[in-house]
Amino acid sequence: MLLNLHTHLEGRVRPATARELGAILGLPEPAGGWEEALHLPCPSNLTAYLAKVGSTYPFFARADTLVRIAREAVEDAAADGEDYLELRFGPLSHVGGDMDLLGVIAAVCEGMRQGSQASGMASGAVVCSLRLHDAEANQQVARAAARFAGNGVVGFDLAGDEIVYPDLRVHAGAFAIARAAGLGLTCHAAEAGPAAAAIDAVDLLGVTRIGHGTHIADDPAVLREIAARGIVVEACPTSNWYTGGITDVASHPAGHFHRCGVPIVLGDDNPRQTGSPLSAERNLLADILGFDEAALAALDRTSVSAGFMETAIRDQLSQRLGVRP
């Protein structure tokens, strides 16, 4: 079973769509074409990686283009063989022109609804707040996300530069708003920052999942606590390699996490930049990171239980796995 629990809308723009929309929006064609402009040809560093992802932002300036990109993202995930998709995006990065926060979220949710209807694959949006924004800005994002709880939005996230913006207390109010609306809570943490950042995210924001979290493996005490508290780590091995977070895919700690009792789910983060969709990430768990059939089955069960999906969807996926929801 393929449940994608960590992937970004901004990292899923089709090159063909970029070419077409670029012409409509008056954007110059990159020297090497959009395929080259969107794809990072080899592992590099976080700065280069984020620059590639950021090159898609001009396509998010209009509601109709947002609807299209979100629809195609769902359709592409279904074509990859995925069974469920949680698609995250930072709406405040795309506000402008005639679109406010509600307009951005509405457009993405509509595109995802269309994609799910066309493909038959369930999906839900995870709204990202950003570390670089202040408390009031992220509370506005949370209030906007809460308006769509049960109507397309299933979760709330915090992303951004952990090193420059390490303090999570400033964002606690936004997460309280999202929690009150019944949204699932996750946070990018211990990706660039230290292992203790994952504990801070749990204690200060109330998250049940940690995005990436590779540095949790650096601190045995934190690792034991994450395992004991049942906090789920969203692993994205190829992406962590491309950002320079690990030296190679074989050194990704996903296998170590599993052996230490840390619940694991899988994501492909920004597959257009890495060229590695979720199906490829699943294969490398087995081929490189030592996940046997039992470990993969545990990952599937964790994915169904930890996903932010509606109860009816969780029940359907549980039945397919042959386990109780």
C-alpha atoms as a PDB file:
ATOM      1  CA  MET A   1       0.000   0.000   0.000  1.00  0.00           C
ATOM      2  CA  LEU A   2       1.253   3.493  -0.826  1.00  0.00           C
ATOM      3  CA  LEU A   3       0.198   6.333   1.455  1.00  0.00           C
ATOM      4  CA  ASN A   4       2.007   9.597   0.793  1.00  0.00           C
ATOM      5  CA  LEU A   5       2.065  11.560   4.049  1.00  0.00           C
ATOM      6  CA  HIS A   6       4.734  14.149   3.280  1.00  0.00           C
ATOM      7  CA  THR A   7       4.747  15.868  -0.092  1.00  0.00           C
ATOM      8  CA  HIS A   8       4.573  19.511  -1.183  1.00  0.00           C
ATOM      9  CA  LEU A   9       2.356  20.961  -3.885  1.00  0.00           C
ATOM     10  CA  GLU A  10       5.149  23.345  -4.847  1.00  0.00           C
ATOM     11  CA  GLY A  11       7.346  20.349  -5.671  1.00  0.00           C
ATOM     12  CA  ARG A  12       4.879  18.620  -7.983  1.00  0.00           C
ATOM     13  CA  VAL A  13       4.455  21.023 -10.927  1.00  0.00           C
ATOM     14  CA  ARG A  14       4.605  19.181 -14.248  1.00  0.00           C
ATOM     15  CA  PRO A  15       7.200  20.596 -16.678  1.00  0.00           C
ATOM     16  CA  ALA A  16       4.606  20.521 -19.466  1.00  0.00           C
ATOM     17  CA  THR A  17       2.229  22.522 -17.294  1.00  0.00           C
ATOM     18  CA  ALA A  18       5.013  24.957 -16.419  1.00  0.00           C
ATOM     19  CA  ARG A  19       5.708  25.438 -20.116  1.00  0.00           C
ATOM     20  CA  GLU A  20       2.077  26.092 -20.944  1.00  0.00           C
ATOM     21  CA  LEU A  21       1.377  28.321 -17.964  1.00  0.00           C
ATOM     22  CA  GLY A  22       4.662  30.148 -18.447  1.00  0.00           C
ATOM     23  CA  ALA A  23       3.559  31.196 -21.917  1.00  0.00           C
ATOM     24  CA  ILE A  24       0.177  32.325 -20.587  1.00  0.00           C
ATOM     25  CA  LEU A  25       1.684  34.245 -17.679  1.00  0.00           C
ATOM     26  CA  GLY A  26       4.442  35.797 -19.748  1.00  0.00           C
ATOM     27  CA  LEU A  27       7.289  33.990 -18.000  1.00  0.00           C
ATOM     28  CA  PRO A  28      10.474  33.516 -20.054  1.00  0.00           C
ATOM     29  CA  GLU A  29      11.377  29.948 -20.954  1.00  0.00           C
ATOM     30  CA  PRO A  30      14.471  28.879 -18.959  1.00  0.00           C
ATOM     31  CA  ALA A  31      17.598  28.266 -20.972  1.00  0.00           C
ATOM     32  CA  GLY A  32      17.439  24.503 -20.513  1.00  0.00           C
ATOM     33  CA  GLY A  33      13.649  24.270 -20.579  1.00  0.00           C
ATOM     34  CA  TRP A  34      11.297  23.726 -17.669  1.00  0.00           C
ATOM     35  CA  GLU A  35      12.289  20.097 -17.187  1.00  0.00           C
ATOM     36  CA  GLU A  36      15.818  21.194 -16.338  1.00  0.00           C
ATOM     37  CA  ALA A  37      14.645  24.257 -14.420  1.00  0.00           C
ATOM     38  CA  LEU A  38      12.498  22.193 -12.044  1.00  0.00           C
ATOM     39  CA  HIS A  39      14.756  19.158 -11.576  1.00  0.00           C
ATOM     40  CA  LEU A  40      17.901  19.140  -9.446  1.00  0.00           C
ATOM     41  CA  PRO A  41      20.237  16.867 -11.423  1.00  0.00           C
ATOM     42  CA  CYS A  42      22.198  15.594  -8.431  1.00  0.00           C
ATOM     43  CA  PRO A  43      22.340  15.956  -4.648  1.00  0.00           C
ATOM     44  CA  SER A  44      23.506  19.395  -3.601  1.00  0.00           C
ATOM     45  CA  ASN A  45      22.473  21.482  -0.605  1.00  0.00           C
ATOM     46  CA  LEU A  46      19.343  22.926   0.936  1.00  0.00           C
ATOM     47  CA  THR A  47      19.822  26.332  -0.686  1.00  0.00           C
ATOM     48  CA  ALA A  48      19.971  24.917  -4.215  1.00  0.00           C
ATOM     49  CA  TYR A  49      17.122  22.541  -3.470  1.00  0.00           C
ATOM     50  CA  LEU A  50      14.818  25.283  -2.191  1.00  0.00           C
ATOM     51  CA  ALA A  51      15.722  27.500  -5.148  1.00  0.00           C
ATOM     52  CA  LYS A  52      14.439  24.792  -7.490  1.00  0.00           C
ATOM     53  CA  VAL A  53      11.228  24.471  -5.488  1.00  0.00           C
ATOM     54  CA  GLY A  54      10.865  28.255  -5.361  1.00  0.00           C
ATOM     55  CA  SER A  55      11.065  28.481  -9.144  1.00  0.00           C
ATOM     56  CA  THR A  56       7.476  27.192  -9.252  1.00  0.00           C
ATOM     57  CA  TYR A  57       6.008  30.064  -7.228  1.00  0.00           C
ATOM     58  CA  PRO A  58       5.061  32.264 -10.219  1.00  0.00           C
ATOM     59  CA  PHE A  59       2.627  29.542 -11.327  1.00  0.00           C
ATOM     60  CA  PHE A  60       0.633  29.906  -8.101  1.00  0.00           C
ATOM     61  CA  ALA A  61      -0.388  33.504  -8.722  1.00  0.00           C
ATOM     62  CA  ARG A  62      -3.907  32.770  -9.995  1.00  0.00           C
ATOM     63  CA  ALA A  63      -6.779  30.676  -8.733  1.00  0.00           C
ATOM     64  CA  ASP A  64      -7.220  28.798 -12.002  1.00  0.00           C
ATOM     65  CA  THR A  65      -3.556  27.785 -12.159  1.00  0.00           C
ATOM     66  CA  LEU A  66      -3.651  26.680  -8.517  1.00  0.00           C
ATOM     67  CA  VAL A  67      -6.680  24.509  -9.223  1.00  0.00           C
ATOM     68  CA  ARG A  68      -4.949  22.928 -12.189  1.00  0.00           C
ATOM     69  CA  ILE A  69      -1.640  22.228 -10.440  1.00  0.00           C
ATOM     70  CA  ALA A  70      -3.397  20.727  -7.412  1.00  0.00           C
ATOM     71  CA  ARG A  71      -5.598  18.549  -9.626  1.00  0.00           C
ATOM     72  CA  GLU A  72      -2.613  17.300 -11.595  1.00  0.00           C
ATOM     73  CA  ALA A  73      -0.663  16.617  -8.390  1.00  0.00           C
ATOM     74  CA  VAL A  74      -3.409  14.270  -7.205  1.00  0.00           C
ATOM     75  CA  GLU A  75      -3.700  12.628 -10.611  1.00  0.00           C
ATOM     76  CA  ASP A  76       0.067  12.103 -10.785  1.00  0.00           C
ATOM     77  CA  ALA A  77       0.110  10.521  -7.325  1.00  0.00           C
ATOM     78  CA  ALA A  78      -2.683   8.160  -8.355  1.00  0.00           C
ATOM     79  CA  ALA A  79      -0.796   7.285 -11.532  1.00  0.00           C
ATOM     80  CA  ASP A  80       2.208   6.429  -9.338  1.00  0.00           C
ATOM     81  CA  GLY A  81       0.048   3.785  -7.679  1.00  0.00           C
ATOM     82  CA  GLU A  82      -0.606   5.702  -4.478  1.00  0.00           C
ATOM     83  CA  ASP A  83      -3.657   4.923  -2.364  1.00  0.00           C
ATOM     84  CA  TYR A  84      -3.902   8.166  -0.404  1.00  0.00           C
ATOM     85  CA  LEU A  85      -2.242  11.577  -0.602  1.00  0.00           C
ATOM     86  CA  GLU A  86      -1.727  14.345   1.921  1.00  0.00           C
ATOM     87  CA  LEU A  87      -0.625  17.374  -0.059  1.00  0.00           C
ATOM     88  CA  ARG A  88       0.906  20.257   1.869  1.00  0.00           C
ATOM     89  CA  PHE A  89       1.424  23.837   0.753  1.00  0.00           C
ATOM     90  CA  GLY A  90       2.194  27.265   2.223  1.00  0.00           C
ATOM     91  CA  PRO A  91      -0.729  29.525   1.282  1.00  0.00           C
ATOM     92  CA  LEU A  92       0.794  32.740   2.595  1.00  0.00           C
ATOM     93  CA  SER A  93       3.557  32.392  -0.025  1.00  0.00           C
ATOM     94  CA  HIS A  94       0.937  32.595  -2.784  1.00  0.00           C
ATOM     95  CA  VAL A  95      -1.296  35.413  -1.559  1.00  0.00           C
ATOM     96  CA  GLY A  96      -1.442  38.365  -3.932  1.00  0.00           C
ATOM     97  CA  GLY A  97      -3.388  39.894  -6.768  1.00  0.00           C
ATOM     98  CA  ASP A  98      -7.017  38.877  -6.339  1.00  0.00           C
ATOM     99  CA  MET A  99      -6.277  35.963  -3.962  1.00  0.00           C
ATOM    100  CA  ASP A 100      -6.287  36.160  -0.183  1.00  0.00           C
ATOM    101  CA  LEU A 101      -5.532  33.264   2.190  1.00  0.00           C
ATOM    102  CA  LEU A 102      -9.016  31.818   1.868  1.00  0.00           C
ATOM    103  CA  GLY A 103      -8.848  32.078  -1.910  1.00  0.00           C
ATOM    104  CA  VAL A 104      -5.544  30.218  -2.098  1.00  0.00           C
ATOM    105  CA  ILE A 105      -6.759  27.404   0.158  1.00  0.00           C
ATOM    106  CA  ALA A 106     -10.086  27.196  -1.659  1.00  0.00           C
ATOM    107  CA  ALA A 107      -8.362  26.852  -5.032  1.00  0.00           C
ATOM    108  CA  VAL A 108      -6.036  24.088  -3.829  1.00  0.00           C
ATOM    109  CA  CYS A 109      -8.888  22.195  -2.185  1.00  0.00           C
ATOM    110  CA  GLU A 110     -10.987  22.468  -5.335  1.00  0.00           C
ATOM    111  CA  GLY A 111      -8.144  21.159  -7.477  1.00  0.00           C
ATOM    112  CA  MET A 112      -7.586  18.263  -5.112  1.00  0.00           C
ATOM    113  CA  ARG A 113     -11.310  17.494  -5.084  1.00  0.00           C
ATOM    114  CA  GLN A 114     -11.286  17.359  -8.871  1.00  0.00           C
ATOM    115  CA  GLY A 115      -8.176  15.179  -8.888  1.00  0.00           C
ATOM    116  CA  SER A 116      -9.651  12.732  -6.382  1.00  0.00           C
ATOM    117  CA  GLN A 117     -12.915  12.574  -8.285  1.00  0.00           C
ATOM    118  CA  ALA A 118     -11.123  11.880 -11.560  1.00  0.00           C
ATOM    119  CA  SER A 119      -8.645   9.338 -10.173  1.00  0.00           C
ATOM    120  CA  GLY A 120     -10.661   7.672  -7.427  1.00  0.00           C
ATOM    121  CA  MET A 121      -7.804   8.244  -4.953  1.00  0.00           C
ATOM    122  CA  ALA A 122      -8.614  10.011  -1.678  1.00  0.00           C
ATOM    123  CA  SER A 123      -6.591  13.070  -0.725  1.00  0.00           C
ATOM    124  CA  GLY A 124      -6.439  15.803   1.885  1.00  0.00           C
ATOM    125  CA  ALA A 125      -4.655  19.145   2.150  1.00  0.00           C
ATOM    126  CA  VAL A 126      -2.163  20.024   4.876  1.00  0.00           C
ATOM    127  CA  VAL A 127      -1.752  23.783   5.298  1.00  0.00           C
ATOM    128  CA  CYS A 128       1.790  24.947   6.105  1.00  0.00           C
ATOM    129  CA  SER A 129       2.647  27.896   8.285  1.00  0.00           C
ATOM    130  CA  LEU A 130       6.218  29.157   8.000  1.00  0.00           C
ATOM    131  CA  ARG A 131       8.846  29.806  10.664  1.00  0.00           C
ATOM    132  CA  LEU A 132       9.874  33.112   9.108  1.00  0.00           C
ATOM    133  CA  HIS A 133       6.395  34.574   9.675  1.00  0.00           C
ATOM    134  CA  ASP A 134       5.389  36.121  12.986  1.00  0.00           C
ATOM    135  CA  ALA A 135       2.770  34.827  15.406  1.00  0.00           C
ATOM    136  CA  GLU A 136      -0.110  36.883  14.019  1.00  0.00           C
ATOM    137  CA  ALA A 137       0.588  35.916  10.414  1.00  0.00           C
ATOM    138  CA  ASN A 138       0.635  32.208  11.234  1.00  0.00           C
ATOM    139  CA  GLN A 139      -2.478  32.532  13.355  1.00  0.00           C
ATOM    140  CA  GLN A 140      -4.187  34.022  10.316  1.00  0.00           C
ATOM    141  CA  VAL A 141      -3.039  30.993   8.318  1.00  0.00           C
ATOM    142  CA  ALA A 142      -4.387  28.682  11.019  1.00  0.00           C
ATOM    143  CA  ARG A 143      -7.743  30.471  11.115  1.00  0.00           C
ATOM    144  CA  ALA A 144      -8.009  30.212   7.339  1.00  0.00           C
ATOM    145  CA  ALA A 145      -7.108  26.503   7.447  1.00  0.00           C
ATOM    146  CA  ALA A 146      -9.707  25.962  10.182  1.00  0.00           C
ATOM    147  CA  ARG A 147     -12.396  27.343   7.875  1.00  0.00           C
ATOM    148  CA  PHE A 148     -11.766  24.375   5.572  1.00  0.00           C
ATOM    149  CA  ALA A 149     -11.540  21.684   8.250  1.00  0.00           C
ATOM    150  CA  GLY A 150     -13.726  18.821   7.071  1.00  0.00           C
ATOM    151  CA  ASN A 151     -13.951  20.425   3.659  1.00  0.00           C
ATOM    152  CA  GLY A 152     -10.611  19.593   2.069  1.00  0.00           C
ATOM    153  CA  VAL A 153      -8.064  20.514   4.753  1.00  0.00           C
ATOM    154  CA  VAL A 154      -7.005  17.718   7.115  1.00  0.00           C
ATOM    155  CA  GLY A 155      -3.806  18.982   8.743  1.00  0.00           C
ATOM    156  CA  PHE A 156      -1.588  21.878   9.814  1.00  0.00           C
ATOM    157  CA  ASP A 157       2.204  22.087   9.574  1.00  0.00           C
ATOM    158  CA  LEU A 158       5.150  24.354  10.307  1.00  0.00           C
ATOM    159  CA  ALA A 159       8.001  24.496   7.800  1.00  0.00           C
ATOM    160  CA  GLY A 160      11.049  26.667   7.231  1.00  0.00           C
ATOM    161  CA  ASP A 161      14.587  27.308   8.398  1.00  0.00           C
ATOM    162  CA  GLU A 162      15.104  25.721  11.817  1.00  0.00           C
ATOM    163  CA  ILE A 163      18.550  27.246  12.237  1.00  0.00           C
ATOM    164  CA  VAL A 164      17.518  30.866  11.697  1.00  0.00           C
ATOM    165  CA  TYR A 165      14.094  30.487  13.358  1.00  0.00           C
ATOM    166  CA  PRO A 166      14.458  27.846  16.103  1.00  0.00           C
ATOM    167  CA  ASP A 167      11.887  29.220  18.584  1.00  0.00           C
ATOM    168  CA  LEU A 168       8.614  27.303  18.396  1.00  0.00           C
ATOM    169  CA  ARG A 169       6.852  29.132  21.238  1.00  0.00           C
ATOM    170  CA  VAL A 170       5.880  31.949  18.904  1.00  0.00           C
ATOM    171  CA  HIS A 171       3.811  29.519  16.838  1.00  0.00           C
ATOM    172  CA  ALA A 172       1.964  27.797  19.675  1.00  0.00           C
ATOM    173  CA  GLY A 173      -1.098  30.015  19.214  1.00  0.00           C
ATOM    174  CA  ALA A 174      -1.467  29.017  15.571  1.00  0.00           C
ATOM    175  CA  PHE A 175      -1.302  25.344  16.471  1.00  0.00           C
ATOM    176  CA  ALA A 176      -3.892  25.827  19.218  1.00  0.00           C
ATOM    177  CA  ILE A 177      -6.278  27.260  16.615  1.00  0.00           C
ATOM    178  CA  ALA A 178      -5.639  24.341  14.263  1.00  0.00           C
ATOM    179  CA  ARG A 179      -6.045  21.808  17.074  1.00  0.00           C
ATOM    180  CA  ALA A 180      -9.359  23.326  18.144  1.00  0.00           C
ATOM    181  CA  ALA A 181     -10.589  22.912  14.567  1.00  0.00           C
ATOM    182  CA  GLY A 182      -9.781  19.194  14.685  1.00  0.00           C
ATOM    183  CA  LEU A 183      -6.867  19.333  12.246  1.00  0.00           C
ATOM    184  CA  GLY A 184      -3.988  16.864  12.458  1.00  0.00           C
ATOM    185  CA  LEU A 185      -0.715  18.464  13.545  1.00  0.00           C
ATOM    186  CA  THR A 186       2.778  17.949  12.162  1.00  0.00           C
ATOM    187  CA  CYS A 187       5.985  19.973  12.090  1.00  0.00           C
ATOM    188  CA  HIS A 188       9.210  19.972  10.092  1.00  0.00           C
ATOM    189  CA  ALA A 189      11.738  19.473  12.892  1.00  0.00           C
ATOM    190  CA  ALA A 190      15.151  17.951  13.624  1.00  0.00           C
ATOM    191  CA  GLU A 191      15.790  18.194   9.886  1.00  0.00           C
ATOM    192  CA  ALA A 192      18.420  20.923  10.018  1.00  0.00           C
ATOM    193  CA  GLY A 193      18.100  21.521  13.741  1.00  0.00           C
ATOM    194  CA  PRO A 194      19.151  19.209  16.586  1.00  0.00           C
ATOM    195  CA  ALA A 195      17.312  16.135  17.797  1.00  0.00           C
ATOM    196  CA  ALA A 196      15.806  18.066  20.731  1.00  0.00           C
ATOM    197  CA  ALA A 197      13.844  20.186  18.232  1.00  0.00           C
ATOM    198  CA  ALA A 198      11.535  17.214  17.703  1.00  0.00           C
ATOM    199  CA  ILE A 199      10.687  17.080  21.414  1.00  0.00           C
ATOM    200  CA  ASP A 200      10.073  20.833  21.393  1.00  0.00           C
ATOM    201  CA  ALA A 201       7.630  20.413  18.518  1.00  0.00           C
ATOM    202  CA  VAL A 202       5.723  17.758  20.450  1.00  0.00           C
ATOM    203  CA  ASP A 203       5.698  19.621  23.768  1.00  0.00           C
ATOM    204  CA  LEU A 204       5.176  23.185  22.536  1.00  0.00           C
ATOM    205  CA  LEU A 205       2.950  22.608  19.497  1.00  0.00           C
ATOM    206  CA  GLY A 206       1.250  19.330  20.329  1.00  0.00           C
ATOM    207  CA  VAL A 207       2.178  17.583  17.092  1.00  0.00           C
ATOM    208  CA  THR A 208       1.799  13.845  16.640  1.00  0.00           C
ATOM    209  CA  ARG A 209       4.087  13.659  13.596  1.00  0.00           C
ATOM    210  CA  ILE A 210       7.541  15.043  12.782  1.00  0.00           C
ATOM    211  CA  GLY A 211       8.536  15.932   9.226  1.00  0.00           C
ATOM    212  CA  HIS A 212      11.925  14.478   8.242  1.00  0.00           C
ATOM    213  CA  GLY A 213      13.392  14.336  11.767  1.00  0.00           C
ATOM    214  CA  THR A 214      16.655  12.798  10.580  1.00  0.00           C
ATOM    215  CA  HIS A 215      18.697  14.244  13.455  1.00  0.00           C
ATOM    216  CA  ILE A 216      16.562  12.405  16.002  1.00  0.00           C
ATOM    217  CA  ALA A 217      18.946   9.528  15.321  1.00  0.00           C
ATOM    218  CA  ASP A 218      21.843  11.611  16.698  1.00  0.00           C
ATOM    219  CA  ASP A 219      20.602  11.575  20.295  1.00  0.00           C
ATOM    220  CA  PRO A 220      19.798   8.185  21.891  1.00  0.00           C
ATOM    221  CA  ALA A 221      17.778   9.800  24.690  1.00  0.00           C
ATOM    222  CA  VAL A 222      15.589  11.729  22.249  1.00  0.00           C
ATOM    223  CA  LEU A 223      15.245   8.638  20.078  1.00  0.00           C
ATOM    224  CA  ARG A 224      14.003   6.620  23.055  1.00  0.00           C
ATOM    225  CA  GLU A 225      11.541   9.344  24.037  1.00  0.00           C
ATOM    226  CA  ILE A 226      10.125   9.696  20.519  1.00  0.00           C
ATOM    227  CA  ALA A 227       9.662   5.923  20.380  1.00  0.00           C
ATOM    228  CA  ALA A 228       8.109   5.740  23.866  1.00  0.00           C
ATOM    229  CA  ARG A 229       5.636   8.513  23.087  1.00  0.00           C
ATOM    230  CA  GLY A 230       4.663   7.004  19.748  1.00  0.00           C
ATOM    231  CA  ILE A 231       5.564  10.103  17.750  1.00  0.00           C
ATOM    232  CA  VAL A 232       5.510   9.345  14.041  1.00  0.00           C
ATOM    233  CA  VAL A 233       8.418  10.346  11.789  1.00  0.00           C
ATOM    234  CA  GLU A 234       7.660  11.240   8.174  1.00  0.00           C
ATOM    235  CA  ALA A 235      10.661   9.849   6.282  1.00  0.00           C
ATOM    236  CA  CYS A 236      11.670  11.274   2.882  1.00  0.00           C
ATOM    237  CA  PRO A 237      15.026   9.577   2.160  1.00  0.00           C
ATOM    238  CA  THR A 238      15.884  10.817  -1.326  1.00  0.00           C
ATOM    239  CA  SER A 239      14.905  14.379  -0.494  1.00  0.00           C
ATOM    240  CA  ASN A 240      17.131  14.357   2.600  1.00  0.00           C
ATOM    241  CA  TRP A 241      19.996  13.221   0.386  1.00  0.00           C
ATOM    242  CA  TYR A 242      19.323  15.957  -2.178  1.00  0.00           C
ATOM    243  CA  THR A 243      19.310  18.651   0.489  1.00  0.00           C
ATOM    244  CA  GLY A 244      22.617  17.439   1.906  1.00  0.00           C
ATOM    245  CA  GLY A 245      20.991  16.332   5.142  1.00  0.00           C
ATOM    246  CA  ILE A 246      22.530  12.859   4.753  1.00  0.00           C
ATOM    247  CA  THR A 247      25.617  11.781   2.848  1.00  0.00           C
ATOM    248  CA  ASP A 248      23.803   9.138   0.811  1.00  0.00           C
ATOM    249  CA  VAL A 249      20.481   7.291   0.831  1.00  0.00           C
ATOM    250  CA  ALA A 250      22.064   4.274   2.523  1.00  0.00           C
ATOM    251  CA  SER A 251      22.834   6.429   5.566  1.00  0.00           C
ATOM    252  CA  HIS A 252      19.221   7.532   6.060  1.00  0.00           C
ATOM    253  CA  PRO A 253      18.090   6.585   9.594  1.00  0.00           C
ATOM    254  CA  ALA A 254      14.658   5.171   8.608  1.00  0.00           C
ATOM    255  CA  GLY A 255      15.786   1.600   9.226  1.00  0.00           C
ATOM    256  CA  HIS A 256      17.383   2.564  12.528  1.00  0.00           C
ATOM    257  CA  PHE A 257      14.179   4.324  13.569  1.00  0.00           C
ATOM    258  CA  HIS A 258      12.135   1.222  12.803  1.00  0.00           C
ATOM    259  CA  ARG A 259      14.475  -1.067  14.730  1.00  0.00           C
ATOM    260  CA  CYS A 260      14.306   1.297  17.725  1.00  0.00           C
ATOM    261  CA  GLY A 261      10.520   1.323  17.753  1.00  0.00           C
ATOM    262  CA  VAL A 262       9.928   4.746  16.226  1.00  0.00           C
ATOM    263  CA  PRO A 263       6.772   4.678  14.037  1.00  0.00           C
ATOM    264  CA  ILE A 264       7.602   5.526  10.421  1.00  0.00           C
ATOM    265  CA  VAL A 265       5.532   6.794   7.498  1.00  0.00           C
ATOM    266  CA  LEU A 266       6.779   7.708   4.045  1.00  0.00           C
ATOM    267  CA  GLY A 267       6.720  10.749   1.772  1.00  0.00           C
ATOM    268  CA  ASP A 268       8.415  11.933  -1.403  1.00  0.00           C
ATOM    269  CA  ASP A 269       8.626  15.615  -0.337  1.00  0.00           C
ATOM    270  CA  ASN A 270       9.334  17.340  -3.688  1.00  0.00           C
ATOM    271  CA  PRO A 271       9.446  14.579  -6.314  1.00  0.00           C
ATOM    272  CA  ARG A 272       9.755  16.884  -9.305  1.00  0.00           C
ATOM    273  CA  GLN A 273      13.057  18.187  -7.938  1.00  0.00           C
ATOM    274  CA  THR A 274      14.456  14.785  -6.914  1.00  0.00           C
ATOM    275  CA  GLY A 275      12.918  12.643  -9.651  1.00  0.00           C
ATOM    276  CA  SER A 276      11.875  10.111  -6.988  1.00  0.00           C
ATOM    277  CA  PRO A 277       8.109   9.620  -6.508  1.00  0.00           C
ATOM    278  CA  LEU A 278       6.679   7.659  -3.610  1.00  0.00           C
ATOM    279  CA  SER A 279       6.823   4.310  -5.416  1.00  0.00           C
ATOM    280  CA  ALA A 280      10.598   4.749  -5.801  1.00  0.00           C
ATOM    281  CA  GLU A 281      10.916   5.764  -2.147  1.00  0.00           C
ATOM    282  CA  ARG A 282       9.088   2.594  -1.135  1.00  0.00           C
ATOM    283  CA  ASN A 283      11.443   0.504  -3.259  1.00  0.00           C
ATOM    284  CA  LEU A 284      14.555   1.992  -1.705  1.00  0.00           C
ATOM    285  CA  LEU A 285      13.261   1.165   1.769  1.00  0.00           C
ATOM    286  CA  ALA A 286      13.344  -2.481   0.731  1.00  0.00           C
ATOM    287  CA  ASP A 287      16.374  -2.423  -1.555  1.00  0.00           C
ATOM    288  CA  ILE A 288      18.715  -0.146   0.406  1.00  0.00           C
ATOM    289  CA  LEU A 289      17.438   0.503   3.923  1.00  0.00           C
ATOM    290  CA  GLY A 290      16.724  -3.066   4.978  1.00  0.00           C
ATOM    291  CA  PHE A 291      12.928  -3.015   5.283  1.00  0.00           C
ATOM    292  CA  ASP A 292      11.659  -6.579   5.015  1.00  0.00           C
ATOM    293  CA  GLU A 293       8.018  -7.544   4.470  1.00  0.00           C
ATOM    294  CA  ALA A 294       7.228  -7.252   8.180  1.00  0.00           C
ATOM    295  CA  ALA A 295       8.742  -3.767   8.376  1.00  0.00           C
ATOM    296  CA  LEU A 296       6.857  -2.618   5.284  1.00  0.00           C
ATOM    297  CA  ALA A 297       3.634  -4.026   6.709  1.00  0.00           C
ATOM    298  CA  ALA A 298       4.273  -2.082   9.931  1.00  0.00           C
ATOM    299  CA  LEU A 299       4.828   1.074   7.877  1.00  0.00           C
ATOM    300  CA  ASP A 300       1.489   0.518   6.128  1.00  0.00           C
ATOM    301  CA  ARG A 301      -0.354   0.074   9.410  1.00  0.00           C
ATOM    302  CA  THR A 302       1.279   3.155  10.878  1.00  0.00           C
ATOM    303  CA  SER A 303       0.437   5.174   7.767  1.00  0.00           C
ATOM    304  CA  VAL A 304      -3.244   4.304   8.028  1.00  0.00           C
ATOM    305  CA  SER A 305      -3.429   4.998  11.773  1.00  0.00           C
ATOM    306  CA  ALA A 306      -1.318   8.190  11.678  1.00  0.00           C
ATOM    307  CA  GLY A 307      -2.804   9.759   8.561  1.00  0.00           C
ATOM    308  CA  PHE A 308      -4.995  12.810   9.003  1.00  0.00           C
ATOM    309  CA  MET A 309      -7.724  11.396   6.771  1.00  0.00           C
ATOM    310  CA  GLU A 310     -11.433  11.265   7.518  1.00  0.00           C
ATOM    311  CA  THR A 311     -12.716   8.264   9.461  1.00  0.00           C
ATOM    312  CA  ALA A 312     -14.486   6.747   6.455  1.00  0.00           C
ATOM    313  CA  ILE A 313     -11.274   6.798   4.412  1.00  0.00           C
ATOM    314  CA  ARG A 314      -9.280   5.331   7.304  1.00  0.00           C
ATOM    315  CA  ASP A 315     -11.838   2.532   7.611  1.00  0.00           C
ATOM    316  CA  GLN A 316     -11.605   1.759   3.885  1.00  0.00           C
ATOM    317  CA  LEU A 317      -7.804   1.644   3.960  1.00  0.00           C
ATOM    318  CA  SER A 318      -7.831  -0.485   7.113  1.00  0.00           C
ATOM    319  CA  GLN A 319     -10.147  -2.983   5.463  1.00  0.00           C
ATOM    320  CA  ARG A 320      -7.815  -3.208   2.492  1.00  0.00           C
ATOM    321  CA  LEU A 321      -4.968  -3.956   4.871  1.00  0.00           C
ATOM    322  CA  GLY A 322      -7.074  -6.500   6.700  1.00  0.00           C
ATOM    323  CA  VAL A 323      -6.687  -4.748  10.050  1.00  0.00           C
ATOM    324  CA  ARG A 324      -9.091  -3.108  12.449  1.00  0.00           C
ATOM    325  CA  PRO A 325      -9.280   0.682  12.141  1.00  0.00           C
END
